[in-house]
Amino acid sequence: MTAVILPVVQGDSPQEQQKHIQVMVHVQAEILNPVFARRRANQWLSMKAGHLLLVDEPELLLGDALQWRFDVFLSAPQLTQPGTAH
């Protein structure tokens, strides 16, 4: 993984001795829209793992490669009402 080292110089005044600091990182890249990424992930799960698995809550991971990460949940049919799922 690529590492970026940010030198930080802390001053002596009370205003400069705060518990937290803010860091802003700018990344410019062309990535797949999260809606299309979710569709692709659902398609892969359906073909490779099972048709009752679905993804939700996309998160973009910043690393050497930008990647989408999703929560996977099981969509089990309701036994009391056939034809519905939750």
Protein backbone atom coordinates (compact mmCIF):
# COMPACT_ATOMS: atom_id res chain seq x y z
CA MET A 1 0.00 0.00 0.00
CA THR A 2 1.22 3.48 -0.79
CA ALA A 3 1.92 5.59 2.29
CA VAL A 4 1.84 9.35 2.53
CA ILE A 5 3.67 10.96 5.42
CA LEU A 6 2.42 14.35 6.56
CA PRO A 7 4.88 16.29 8.70
CA VAL A 8 3.12 18.01 11.60
CA VAL A 9 4.64 20.88 13.54
CA GLN A 10 2.95 21.64 16.85
CA GLY A 11 3.27 25.12 18.28
CA ASP A 12 3.50 26.17 21.90
CA SER A 13 0.44 28.44 22.13
CA PRO A 14 -2.78 27.08 23.75
CA GLN A 15 -4.66 27.49 20.43
CA GLU A 16 -2.15 25.17 18.71
CA GLN A 17 -2.27 22.50 21.45
CA GLN A 18 -5.67 21.02 20.65
CA LYS A 19 -6.51 17.36 21.21
CA HIS A 20 -7.56 16.76 17.57
CA ILE A 21 -6.49 18.18 14.25
CA GLN A 22 -8.25 18.08 10.88
CA VAL A 23 -6.65 16.62 7.78
CA MET A 24 -8.15 16.95 4.29
CA VAL A 25 -7.09 14.59 1.51
CA HIS A 26 -8.11 15.21 -2.10
CA VAL A 27 -8.46 12.19 -4.41
CA GLN A 28 -9.58 12.59 -8.00
CA ALA A 29 -10.50 9.39 -9.81
CA GLU A 30 -13.13 8.02 -12.14
CA ILE A 31 -15.00 5.24 -10.34
CA LEU A 32 -18.10 3.15 -10.93
CA ASN A 33 -21.30 4.75 -9.67
CA PRO A 34 -22.40 3.07 -6.37
CA VAL A 35 -25.76 2.09 -7.91
CA PHE A 36 -24.03 0.21 -10.74
CA ALA A 37 -21.45 -1.24 -8.34
CA ARG A 38 -24.30 -2.59 -6.19
CA ARG A 39 -25.96 -4.12 -9.25
CA ARG A 40 -22.70 -5.78 -10.25
CA ALA A 41 -22.15 -7.12 -6.72
CA ASN A 42 -25.72 -8.46 -6.54
CA GLN A 43 -25.25 -10.10 -9.93
CA TRP A 44 -22.00 -11.75 -8.81
CA LEU A 45 -23.58 -12.98 -5.56
CA SER A 46 -26.55 -14.41 -7.43
CA MET A 47 -24.33 -16.33 -9.85
CA LYS A 48 -21.59 -17.45 -7.43
CA ALA A 49 -23.02 -17.59 -3.89
CA GLY A 50 -26.80 -17.81 -3.90
CA HIS A 51 -29.87 -15.98 -5.11
CA LEU A 52 -31.05 -15.02 -1.59
CA LEU A 53 -28.00 -12.82 -0.84
CA LEU A 54 -28.16 -9.08 -1.50
CA VAL A 55 -25.82 -6.14 -0.85
CA ASP A 56 -26.53 -2.76 0.71
CA GLU A 57 -24.74 0.24 2.27
CA PRO A 58 -21.92 0.93 -0.23
CA GLU A 59 -18.63 2.26 1.19
CA LEU A 60 -15.69 3.39 -0.91
CA LEU A 61 -12.33 2.06 0.34
CA LEU A 62 -9.31 4.24 -0.37
CA GLY A 63 -6.11 2.28 -0.87
CA ASP A 64 -3.76 1.31 -3.68
CA ALA A 65 -6.93 0.54 -5.62
CA LEU A 66 -10.27 2.18 -4.98
CA GLN A 67 -12.82 -0.50 -4.10
CA TRP A 68 -16.48 -0.67 -3.16
CA ARG A 69 -17.39 -2.58 0.01
CA PHE A 70 -20.95 -3.63 0.86
CA ASP A 71 -22.88 -5.21 3.70
CA VAL A 72 -24.34 -8.55 2.57
CA PHE A 73 -27.64 -9.76 3.94
CA LEU A 74 -29.81 -12.83 3.50
CA SER A 75 -33.26 -12.21 2.04
CA ALA A 76 -35.17 -15.20 3.39
CA PRO A 77 -38.77 -15.87 2.33
CA GLN A 78 -41.47 -15.45 4.96
CA LEU A 79 -43.08 -18.76 5.80
CA THR A 80 -46.33 -17.11 6.97
CA GLN A 81 -46.84 -15.22 3.69
CA PRO A 82 -45.54 -17.20 0.70
CA GLY A 83 -44.20 -15.03 -2.12
CA THR A 84 -42.83 -12.28 0.16
CA ALA A 85 -39.39 -11.71 1.63
CA HIS A 86 -37.86 -9.50 4.32
